[in-house]
Amino acid sequence: MDYTIWARTDIGIKKTINQDSLSVRVFDTVQGKMAFAVLCDGMGGLDRGELASATVVKAFMNWADSELPLLCYYPLGENIIRDQWKDLVYNQNAKIMKYGQRQGINLGTTIVAILLTQTNYYIINVGDSRIYEIADKIMQITRDQTVVAREVSLGKMTPEQAKRHPKRNVLLQCVGASEVLRPEICFGEIKKDAVYMLCSDGFRHEVTPQELFTYLNPKYLTNSRVMKKHTDYLIELNKKRRETDNISVVLIRSS
């Protein structure tokens, strides 16, 4: 399995600070090529969300640089990835919370991260940034940890109502501002010739799943030049439709 990557973040049309942070890289390991990406959306309603998001991205990329090469000398198991990522996000939650208490501020961030090996993917999620798999269809892998998503799952709200509800961005938890974290961690088999997309909520509010499928279809995203062209188009489309949030996306194409 080989991987082609692309990423972009945009401040958007309204905010003065970009509180999104992201990083993506392809690694050569003893088990073959792997791709690792992390994307965090700092909380717009809290202070210094850009610091929280950048701190968590840095911590996860440090893990990929230092711990992942060592893990690759042994069979990668779900339990070791789960345990290390949980410890990492718990430690970052405590670190950011203590910093906020010392400074007298509140700060926090979402996180989605994905590791793609030669056969499997591993995902962690806190908040409402998302990871999708785009192949013969578009499928959201992560589950939003929001008030409206909970209401939809309980049958108290329809998906259509949730899209425009005034509390659509209210999170149930985030890294740095939650006393107790329950990260979503999931695993699965990688599809060849598929696109794995990480995005902040600003990238998906004003575009439809069908538009995402059309422009991010792996049939067309055969190189980074096309990836750039299509992500630029979708970001500008969001801005044209008056999306007010920061806008960020990471693409990983398997081949």
C-alpha atoms as a PDB file:
ATOM      1  CA  MET A   1       0.000   0.000   0.000  1.00  0.00           C
ATOM      2  CA  ASP A   2       1.220   3.479  -0.879  1.00  0.00           C
ATOM      3  CA  TYR A   3      -0.151   6.845   0.226  1.00  0.00           C
ATOM      4  CA  THR A   4      -0.540  10.298  -1.310  1.00  0.00           C
ATOM      5  CA  ILE A   5      -1.323  13.161   1.052  1.00  0.00           C
ATOM      6  CA  TRP A   6      -2.582  16.724   0.950  1.00  0.00           C
ATOM      7  CA  ALA A   7      -3.725  19.212   3.601  1.00  0.00           C
ATOM      8  CA  ARG A   8      -4.887  22.797   3.863  1.00  0.00           C
ATOM      9  CA  THR A   9      -6.231  25.093   6.559  1.00  0.00           C
ATOM     10  CA  ASP A  10      -7.922  28.451   5.964  1.00  0.00           C
ATOM     11  CA  ILE A  11      -8.834  31.187   8.430  1.00  0.00           C
ATOM     12  CA  GLY A  12     -12.176  31.734   6.692  1.00  0.00           C
ATOM     13  CA  ILE A  13     -14.144  34.910   6.096  1.00  0.00           C
ATOM     14  CA  LYS A  14     -14.906  36.091   9.647  1.00  0.00           C
ATOM     15  CA  LYS A  15     -12.430  35.037  12.317  1.00  0.00           C
ATOM     16  CA  THR A  16      -9.206  36.915  13.030  1.00  0.00           C
ATOM     17  CA  ILE A  17      -7.357  33.835  14.326  1.00  0.00           C
ATOM     18  CA  ASN A  18      -7.138  30.347  12.854  1.00  0.00           C
ATOM     19  CA  GLN A  19      -7.731  28.012  15.781  1.00  0.00           C
ATOM     20  CA  ASP A  20      -7.392  24.861  13.656  1.00  0.00           C
ATOM     21  CA  SER A  21      -4.115  22.913  13.629  1.00  0.00           C
ATOM     22  CA  LEU A  22      -3.138  19.891  11.561  1.00  0.00           C
ATOM     23  CA  SER A  23      -0.279  17.713  10.414  1.00  0.00           C
ATOM     24  CA  VAL A  24       0.065  14.735   8.074  1.00  0.00           C
ATOM     25  CA  ARG A  25       3.051  12.620   7.104  1.00  0.00           C
ATOM     26  CA  VAL A  26       3.987   9.382   5.356  1.00  0.00           C
ATOM     27  CA  PHE A  27       6.471   7.171   7.209  1.00  0.00           C
ATOM     28  CA  ASP A  28       8.770   4.470   5.899  1.00  0.00           C
ATOM     29  CA  THR A  29       8.773   1.715   8.519  1.00  0.00           C
ATOM     30  CA  VAL A  30      10.001  -1.852   8.796  1.00  0.00           C
ATOM     31  CA  GLN A  31       6.382  -2.877   8.148  1.00  0.00           C
ATOM     32  CA  GLY A  32       6.131  -0.763   4.991  1.00  0.00           C
ATOM     33  CA  LYS A  33       4.735   2.689   4.367  1.00  0.00           C
ATOM     34  CA  MET A  34       2.335   4.174   6.883  1.00  0.00           C
ATOM     35  CA  ALA A  35       0.439   7.457   6.933  1.00  0.00           C
ATOM     36  CA  PHE A  36      -0.392   9.393  10.083  1.00  0.00           C
ATOM     37  CA  ALA A  37      -2.530  12.508  10.356  1.00  0.00           C
ATOM     38  CA  VAL A  38      -3.973  14.577  13.187  1.00  0.00           C
ATOM     39  CA  LEU A  39      -6.380  17.511  13.024  1.00  0.00           C
ATOM     40  CA  CYS A  40      -7.589  19.654  15.925  1.00  0.00           C
ATOM     41  CA  ASP A  41     -10.158  22.438  16.047  1.00  0.00           C
ATOM     42  CA  GLY A  42      -9.599  24.858  18.933  1.00  0.00           C
ATOM     43  CA  MET A  43     -12.742  25.975  20.685  1.00  0.00           C
ATOM     44  CA  GLY A  44     -13.931  29.260  19.208  1.00  0.00           C
ATOM     45  CA  GLY A  45     -15.912  30.154  22.319  1.00  0.00           C
ATOM     46  CA  LEU A  46     -12.969  29.600  24.633  1.00  0.00           C
ATOM     47  CA  ASP A  47      -9.734  31.507  25.104  1.00  0.00           C
ATOM     48  CA  ARG A  48      -6.635  30.592  23.089  1.00  0.00           C
ATOM     49  CA  GLY A  49      -8.132  27.649  21.264  1.00  0.00           C
ATOM     50  CA  GLU A  50      -5.249  27.875  18.789  1.00  0.00           C
ATOM     51  CA  LEU A  51      -2.807  27.045  21.605  1.00  0.00           C
ATOM     52  CA  ALA A  52      -4.822  24.012  22.684  1.00  0.00           C
ATOM     53  CA  SER A  53      -5.103  22.641  19.146  1.00  0.00           C
ATOM     54  CA  ALA A  54      -1.420  23.194  18.327  1.00  0.00           C
ATOM     55  CA  THR A  55      -0.356  21.565  21.609  1.00  0.00           C
ATOM     56  CA  VAL A  56      -2.336  18.384  20.941  1.00  0.00           C
ATOM     57  CA  VAL A  57      -1.181  18.150  17.313  1.00  0.00           C
ATOM     58  CA  LYS A  58       2.434  18.471  18.435  1.00  0.00           C
ATOM     59  CA  ALA A  59       2.010  15.774  21.084  1.00  0.00           C
ATOM     60  CA  PHE A  60       0.524  13.277  18.619  1.00  0.00           C
ATOM     61  CA  MET A  61       3.152  14.005  15.971  1.00  0.00           C
ATOM     62  CA  ASN A  62       5.858  13.497  18.608  1.00  0.00           C
ATOM     63  CA  TRP A  63       4.278  10.108  19.274  1.00  0.00           C
ATOM     64  CA  ALA A  64       4.416   9.278  15.566  1.00  0.00           C
ATOM     65  CA  ASP A  65       8.063  10.330  15.365  1.00  0.00           C
ATOM     66  CA  SER A  66       9.315   8.613  18.519  1.00  0.00           C
ATOM     67  CA  GLU A  67       6.968   5.760  19.496  1.00  0.00           C
ATOM     68  CA  LEU A  68       5.601   4.493  16.191  1.00  0.00           C
ATOM     69  CA  PRO A  69       8.990   3.387  14.763  1.00  0.00           C
ATOM     70  CA  LEU A  70       9.583   1.311  17.912  1.00  0.00           C
ATOM     71  CA  LEU A  71       6.124  -0.270  17.786  1.00  0.00           C
ATOM     72  CA  CYS A  72       6.724  -1.326  14.193  1.00  0.00           C
ATOM     73  CA  TYR A  73       9.346  -3.872  15.268  1.00  0.00           C
ATOM     74  CA  TYR A  74       6.489  -5.917  16.728  1.00  0.00           C
ATOM     75  CA  PRO A  75       3.039  -6.829  15.399  1.00  0.00           C
ATOM     76  CA  LEU A  76       0.839  -3.752  15.770  1.00  0.00           C
ATOM     77  CA  GLY A  77      -2.125  -4.589  17.959  1.00  0.00           C
ATOM     78  CA  GLU A  78      -5.308  -2.699  18.688  1.00  0.00           C
ATOM     79  CA  ASN A  79      -4.700  -2.735  22.430  1.00  0.00           C
ATOM     80  CA  ILE A  80      -1.282  -1.068  22.337  1.00  0.00           C
ATOM     81  CA  ILE A  81      -2.501   1.703  20.031  1.00  0.00           C
ATOM     82  CA  ARG A  82      -5.625   2.215  22.130  1.00  0.00           C
ATOM     83  CA  ASP A  83      -3.683   2.361  25.404  1.00  0.00           C
ATOM     84  CA  GLN A  84      -0.993   4.729  24.147  1.00  0.00           C
ATOM     85  CA  TRP A  85      -3.442   7.103  22.462  1.00  0.00           C
ATOM     86  CA  LYS A  86      -5.738   7.170  25.496  1.00  0.00           C
ATOM     87  CA  ASP A  87      -2.805   7.957  27.782  1.00  0.00           C
ATOM     88  CA  LEU A  88      -1.668  10.649  25.372  1.00  0.00           C
ATOM     89  CA  VAL A  89      -5.039  12.380  25.167  1.00  0.00           C
ATOM     90  CA  TYR A  90      -5.596  12.094  28.934  1.00  0.00           C
ATOM     91  CA  ASN A  91      -2.193  13.662  29.586  1.00  0.00           C
ATOM     92  CA  GLN A  92      -2.882  16.488  27.129  1.00  0.00           C
ATOM     93  CA  ASN A  93      -6.283  17.082  28.712  1.00  0.00           C
ATOM     94  CA  ALA A  94      -4.714  17.438  32.153  1.00  0.00           C
ATOM     95  CA  LYS A  95      -1.840  19.588  30.847  1.00  0.00           C
ATOM     96  CA  ILE A  96      -4.081  22.042  29.020  1.00  0.00           C
ATOM     97  CA  MET A  97      -6.545  22.214  31.892  1.00  0.00           C
ATOM     98  CA  LYS A  98      -3.776  23.005  34.399  1.00  0.00           C
ATOM     99  CA  TYR A  99      -2.387  25.676  32.083  1.00  0.00           C
ATOM    100  CA  GLY A 100      -5.826  27.254  31.817  1.00  0.00           C
ATOM    101  CA  GLN A 101      -6.250  27.248  35.580  1.00  0.00           C
ATOM    102  CA  ARG A 102      -2.871  28.971  36.063  1.00  0.00           C
ATOM    103  CA  GLN A 103      -3.728  31.594  33.441  1.00  0.00           C
ATOM    104  CA  GLY A 104      -7.325  32.036  34.580  1.00  0.00           C
ATOM    105  CA  ILE A 105      -8.710  31.065  31.157  1.00  0.00           C
ATOM    106  CA  ASN A 106     -10.618  28.202  29.545  1.00  0.00           C
ATOM    107  CA  LEU A 107      -9.232  26.531  26.446  1.00  0.00           C
ATOM    108  CA  GLY A 108      -9.880  23.298  24.630  1.00  0.00           C
ATOM    109  CA  THR A 109      -9.818  21.487  21.318  1.00  0.00           C
ATOM    110  CA  THR A 110     -11.318  18.647  19.359  1.00  0.00           C
ATOM    111  CA  ILE A 111      -9.065  15.947  17.936  1.00  0.00           C
ATOM    112  CA  VAL A 112      -9.259  13.380  15.180  1.00  0.00           C
ATOM    113  CA  ALA A 113      -6.207  11.303  14.322  1.00  0.00           C
ATOM    114  CA  ILE A 114      -5.675   8.341  12.014  1.00  0.00           C
ATOM    115  CA  LEU A 115      -2.861   5.856  11.486  1.00  0.00           C
ATOM    116  CA  LEU A 116      -2.956   3.856   8.255  1.00  0.00           C
ATOM    117  CA  THR A 117      -0.673   0.835   8.056  1.00  0.00           C
ATOM    118  CA  GLN A 118      -0.365  -1.593   5.152  1.00  0.00           C
ATOM    119  CA  THR A 119      -3.625  -3.290   6.152  1.00  0.00           C
ATOM    120  CA  ASN A 120      -5.537  -1.450   8.891  1.00  0.00           C
ATOM    121  CA  TYR A 121      -6.526   1.976  10.133  1.00  0.00           C
ATOM    122  CA  TYR A 122      -6.626   3.180  13.737  1.00  0.00           C
ATOM    123  CA  ILE A 123      -8.659   6.250  14.728  1.00  0.00           C
ATOM    124  CA  ILE A 124      -9.169   8.411  17.818  1.00  0.00           C
ATOM    125  CA  ASN A 125     -11.854  11.097  18.099  1.00  0.00           C
ATOM    126  CA  VAL A 126     -12.902  13.655  20.696  1.00  0.00           C
ATOM    127  CA  GLY A 127     -15.412  16.343  19.687  1.00  0.00           C
ATOM    128  CA  ASP A 128     -16.972  17.025  16.305  1.00  0.00           C
ATOM    129  CA  SER A 129     -14.136  17.054  13.804  1.00  0.00           C
ATOM    130  CA  ARG A 130     -14.638  14.098  11.474  1.00  0.00           C
ATOM    131  CA  ILE A 131     -12.980  11.308   9.535  1.00  0.00           C
ATOM    132  CA  TYR A 132     -14.576   9.959   6.360  1.00  0.00           C
ATOM    133  CA  GLU A 133     -13.778   7.046   4.082  1.00  0.00           C
ATOM    134  CA  ILE A 134     -14.480   7.823   0.423  1.00  0.00           C
ATOM    135  CA  ALA A 135     -14.448   4.886  -2.002  1.00  0.00           C
ATOM    136  CA  ASP A 136     -17.482   3.693  -3.971  1.00  0.00           C
ATOM    137  CA  LYS A 137     -19.502   5.825  -1.514  1.00  0.00           C
ATOM    138  CA  ILE A 138     -18.810   8.363   1.225  1.00  0.00           C
ATOM    139  CA  MET A 139     -18.988   7.093   4.797  1.00  0.00           C
ATOM    140  CA  GLN A 140     -18.468   8.998   8.030  1.00  0.00           C
ATOM    141  CA  ILE A 141     -16.357   6.796  10.303  1.00  0.00           C
ATOM    142  CA  THR A 142     -16.297   8.924  13.461  1.00  0.00           C
ATOM    143  CA  ARG A 143     -19.331   9.920  15.501  1.00  0.00           C
ATOM    144  CA  ASP A 144     -19.923  13.541  16.474  1.00  0.00           C
ATOM    145  CA  GLN A 145     -19.790  14.107  20.219  1.00  0.00           C
ATOM    146  CA  THR A 146     -22.285  16.971  20.262  1.00  0.00           C
ATOM    147  CA  VAL A 147     -25.582  17.779  21.931  1.00  0.00           C
ATOM    148  CA  VAL A 148     -27.516  17.536  18.654  1.00  0.00           C
ATOM    149  CA  ALA A 149     -25.855  14.243  17.649  1.00  0.00           C
ATOM    150  CA  ARG A 150     -26.903  12.787  20.999  1.00  0.00           C
ATOM    151  CA  GLU A 151     -30.466  14.018  20.472  1.00  0.00           C
ATOM    152  CA  VAL A 152     -30.574  12.493  16.997  1.00  0.00           C
ATOM    153  CA  SER A 153     -29.322   9.139  18.341  1.00  0.00           C
ATOM    154  CA  LEU A 154     -32.072   9.234  20.986  1.00  0.00           C
ATOM    155  CA  GLY A 155     -34.716   9.935  18.350  1.00  0.00           C
ATOM    156  CA  LYS A 156     -35.509  13.381  19.794  1.00  0.00           C
ATOM    157  CA  MET A 157     -34.314  15.283  16.735  1.00  0.00           C
ATOM    158  CA  THR A 158     -34.047  14.585  13.022  1.00  0.00           C
ATOM    159  CA  PRO A 159     -30.750  14.957  11.138  1.00  0.00           C
ATOM    160  CA  GLU A 160     -32.326  17.835   9.192  1.00  0.00           C
ATOM    161  CA  GLN A 161     -33.236  19.649  12.411  1.00  0.00           C
ATOM    162  CA  ALA A 162     -29.754  19.050  13.796  1.00  0.00           C
ATOM    163  CA  LYS A 163     -28.084  20.727  10.815  1.00  0.00           C
ATOM    164  CA  ARG A 164     -29.636  24.117  11.602  1.00  0.00           C
ATOM    165  CA  HIS A 165     -30.147  23.840  15.339  1.00  0.00           C
ATOM    166  CA  PRO A 166     -28.632  26.754  17.339  1.00  0.00           C
ATOM    167  CA  LYS A 167     -26.766  24.239  19.520  1.00  0.00           C
ATOM    168  CA  ARG A 168     -25.302  22.265  16.623  1.00  0.00           C
ATOM    169  CA  ASN A 169     -21.752  23.203  17.687  1.00  0.00           C
ATOM    170  CA  VAL A 170     -22.145  22.518  21.413  1.00  0.00           C
ATOM    171  CA  LEU A 171     -19.734  19.715  22.320  1.00  0.00           C
ATOM    172  CA  LEU A 172     -20.255  17.028  24.923  1.00  0.00           C
ATOM    173  CA  GLN A 173     -16.495  16.930  25.544  1.00  0.00           C
ATOM    174  CA  CYS A 174     -13.211  18.359  24.312  1.00  0.00           C
ATOM    175  CA  VAL A 175      -9.535  18.046  25.190  1.00  0.00           C
ATOM    176  CA  GLY A 176      -8.544  20.605  27.826  1.00  0.00           C
ATOM    177  CA  ALA A 177     -11.987  21.579  29.104  1.00  0.00           C
ATOM    178  CA  SER A 178     -13.540  18.270  30.202  1.00  0.00           C
ATOM    179  CA  GLU A 179     -12.967  16.771  33.641  1.00  0.00           C
ATOM    180  CA  VAL A 180     -13.658  13.302  32.231  1.00  0.00           C
ATOM    181  CA  LEU A 181     -12.802  12.258  28.671  1.00  0.00           C
ATOM    182  CA  ARG A 182     -14.225   9.276  26.833  1.00  0.00           C
ATOM    183  CA  PRO A 183     -12.421   9.231  23.476  1.00  0.00           C
ATOM    184  CA  GLU A 184     -13.893   7.233  20.628  1.00  0.00           C
ATOM    185  CA  ILE A 185     -11.333   4.757  19.303  1.00  0.00           C
ATOM    186  CA  CYS A 186     -12.046   2.512  16.340  1.00  0.00           C
ATOM    187  CA  PHE A 187     -10.224   0.192  13.957  1.00  0.00           C
ATOM    188  CA  GLY A 188     -10.849  -1.176  10.509  1.00  0.00           C
ATOM    189  CA  GLU A 189      -9.396  -2.551   7.303  1.00  0.00           C
ATOM    190  CA  ILE A 190      -8.013  -0.105   4.764  1.00  0.00           C
ATOM    191  CA  LYS A 191      -9.518  -0.073   1.311  1.00  0.00           C
ATOM    192  CA  LYS A 192      -7.166   0.271  -1.622  1.00  0.00           C
ATOM    193  CA  ASP A 193      -7.856   3.243  -3.905  1.00  0.00           C
ATOM    194  CA  ALA A 194      -9.811   5.067  -1.226  1.00  0.00           C
ATOM    195  CA  VAL A 195      -9.550   8.540   0.294  1.00  0.00           C
ATOM    196  CA  TYR A 196      -9.452   9.032   4.055  1.00  0.00           C
ATOM    197  CA  MET A 197     -10.467  12.578   4.926  1.00  0.00           C
ATOM    198  CA  LEU A 198     -10.061  14.431   8.206  1.00  0.00           C
ATOM    199  CA  CYS A 199     -11.855  17.768   8.526  1.00  0.00           C
ATOM    200  CA  SER A 200     -12.931  20.410  10.985  1.00  0.00           C
ATOM    201  CA  ASP A 201     -16.634  21.224  11.111  1.00  0.00           C
ATOM    202  CA  GLY A 202     -16.027  24.390   9.081  1.00  0.00           C
ATOM    203  CA  PHE A 203     -15.213  22.263   6.036  1.00  0.00           C
ATOM    204  CA  ARG A 204     -18.530  20.391   5.990  1.00  0.00           C
ATOM    205  CA  HIS A 205     -21.293  22.722   7.183  1.00  0.00           C
ATOM    206  CA  GLU A 206     -22.052  24.391   3.862  1.00  0.00           C
ATOM    207  CA  VAL A 207     -21.336  21.543   1.442  1.00  0.00           C
ATOM    208  CA  THR A 208     -23.316  18.353   0.990  1.00  0.00           C
ATOM    209  CA  PRO A 209     -22.014  14.784   1.318  1.00  0.00           C
ATOM    210  CA  GLN A 210     -22.701  14.380  -2.395  1.00  0.00           C
ATOM    211  CA  GLU A 211     -20.486  17.367  -3.196  1.00  0.00           C
ATOM    212  CA  LEU A 212     -17.726  15.926  -1.022  1.00  0.00           C
ATOM    213  CA  PHE A 213     -18.056  12.580  -2.795  1.00  0.00           C
ATOM    214  CA  THR A 214     -17.994  14.228  -6.223  1.00  0.00           C
ATOM    215  CA  TYR A 215     -14.875  16.332  -5.688  1.00  0.00           C
ATOM    216  CA  LEU A 216     -12.933  13.981  -3.400  1.00  0.00           C
ATOM    217  CA  ASN A 217     -13.628  10.782  -5.296  1.00  0.00           C
ATOM    218  CA  PRO A 218     -10.462   8.639  -5.434  1.00  0.00           C
ATOM    219  CA  LYS A 219     -11.043   8.067  -9.155  1.00  0.00           C
ATOM    220  CA  TYR A 220     -10.011  11.690  -9.711  1.00  0.00           C
ATOM    221  CA  LEU A 221      -7.598  12.332  -6.836  1.00  0.00           C
ATOM    222  CA  THR A 222      -4.699  10.536  -8.484  1.00  0.00           C
ATOM    223  CA  ASN A 223      -1.970  12.986  -7.394  1.00  0.00           C
ATOM    224  CA  SER A 224      -1.349  15.866  -5.012  1.00  0.00           C
ATOM    225  CA  ARG A 225      -1.934  18.465  -7.730  1.00  0.00           C
ATOM    226  CA  VAL A 226      -5.528  17.306  -8.220  1.00  0.00           C
ATOM    227  CA  MET A 227      -5.964  17.006  -4.450  1.00  0.00           C
ATOM    228  CA  LYS A 228      -4.948  20.650  -4.085  1.00  0.00           C
ATOM    229  CA  LYS A 229      -7.245  21.810  -6.874  1.00  0.00           C
ATOM    230  CA  HIS A 230     -10.299  20.046  -5.468  1.00  0.00           C
ATOM    231  CA  THR A 231      -9.730  20.966  -1.813  1.00  0.00           C
ATOM    232  CA  ASP A 232      -9.162  24.595  -2.820  1.00  0.00           C
ATOM    233  CA  TYR A 233     -12.454  24.520  -4.699  1.00  0.00           C
ATOM    234  CA  LEU A 234     -14.382  23.109  -1.742  1.00  0.00           C
ATOM    235  CA  ILE A 235     -12.830  25.559   0.715  1.00  0.00           C
ATOM    236  CA  GLU A 236     -13.695  28.493  -1.521  1.00  0.00           C
ATOM    237  CA  LEU A 237     -17.207  27.072  -1.988  1.00  0.00           C
ATOM    238  CA  ASN A 238     -17.656  27.008   1.793  1.00  0.00           C
ATOM    239  CA  LYS A 239     -16.536  30.619   2.006  1.00  0.00           C
ATOM    240  CA  LYS A 240     -18.813  31.641  -0.871  1.00  0.00           C
ATOM    241  CA  ARG A 241     -21.722  30.088   1.027  1.00  0.00           C
ATOM    242  CA  ARG A 242     -20.779  32.209   4.061  1.00  0.00           C
ATOM    243  CA  GLU A 243     -19.216  29.607   6.331  1.00  0.00           C
ATOM    244  CA  THR A 244     -17.917  31.671   9.268  1.00  0.00           C
ATOM    245  CA  ASP A 245     -15.623  29.125  10.946  1.00  0.00           C
ATOM    246  CA  ASN A 246     -12.011  28.203  10.232  1.00  0.00           C
ATOM    247  CA  ILE A 247     -11.841  25.552   7.486  1.00  0.00           C
ATOM    248  CA  SER A 248      -9.390  22.626   7.505  1.00  0.00           C
ATOM    249  CA  VAL A 249      -9.020  19.333   5.660  1.00  0.00           C
ATOM    250  CA  VAL A 250      -6.494  16.501   5.358  1.00  0.00           C
ATOM    251  CA  LEU A 251      -6.609  13.922   2.555  1.00  0.00           C
ATOM    252  CA  ILE A 252      -4.849  10.549   2.473  1.00  0.00           C
ATOM    253  CA  ARG A 253      -5.292   8.437  -0.656  1.00  0.00           C
ATOM    254  CA  SER A 254      -4.384   4.762  -0.594  1.00  0.00           C
ATOM    255  CA  SER A 255      -3.092   3.018  -3.692  1.00  0.00           C
END
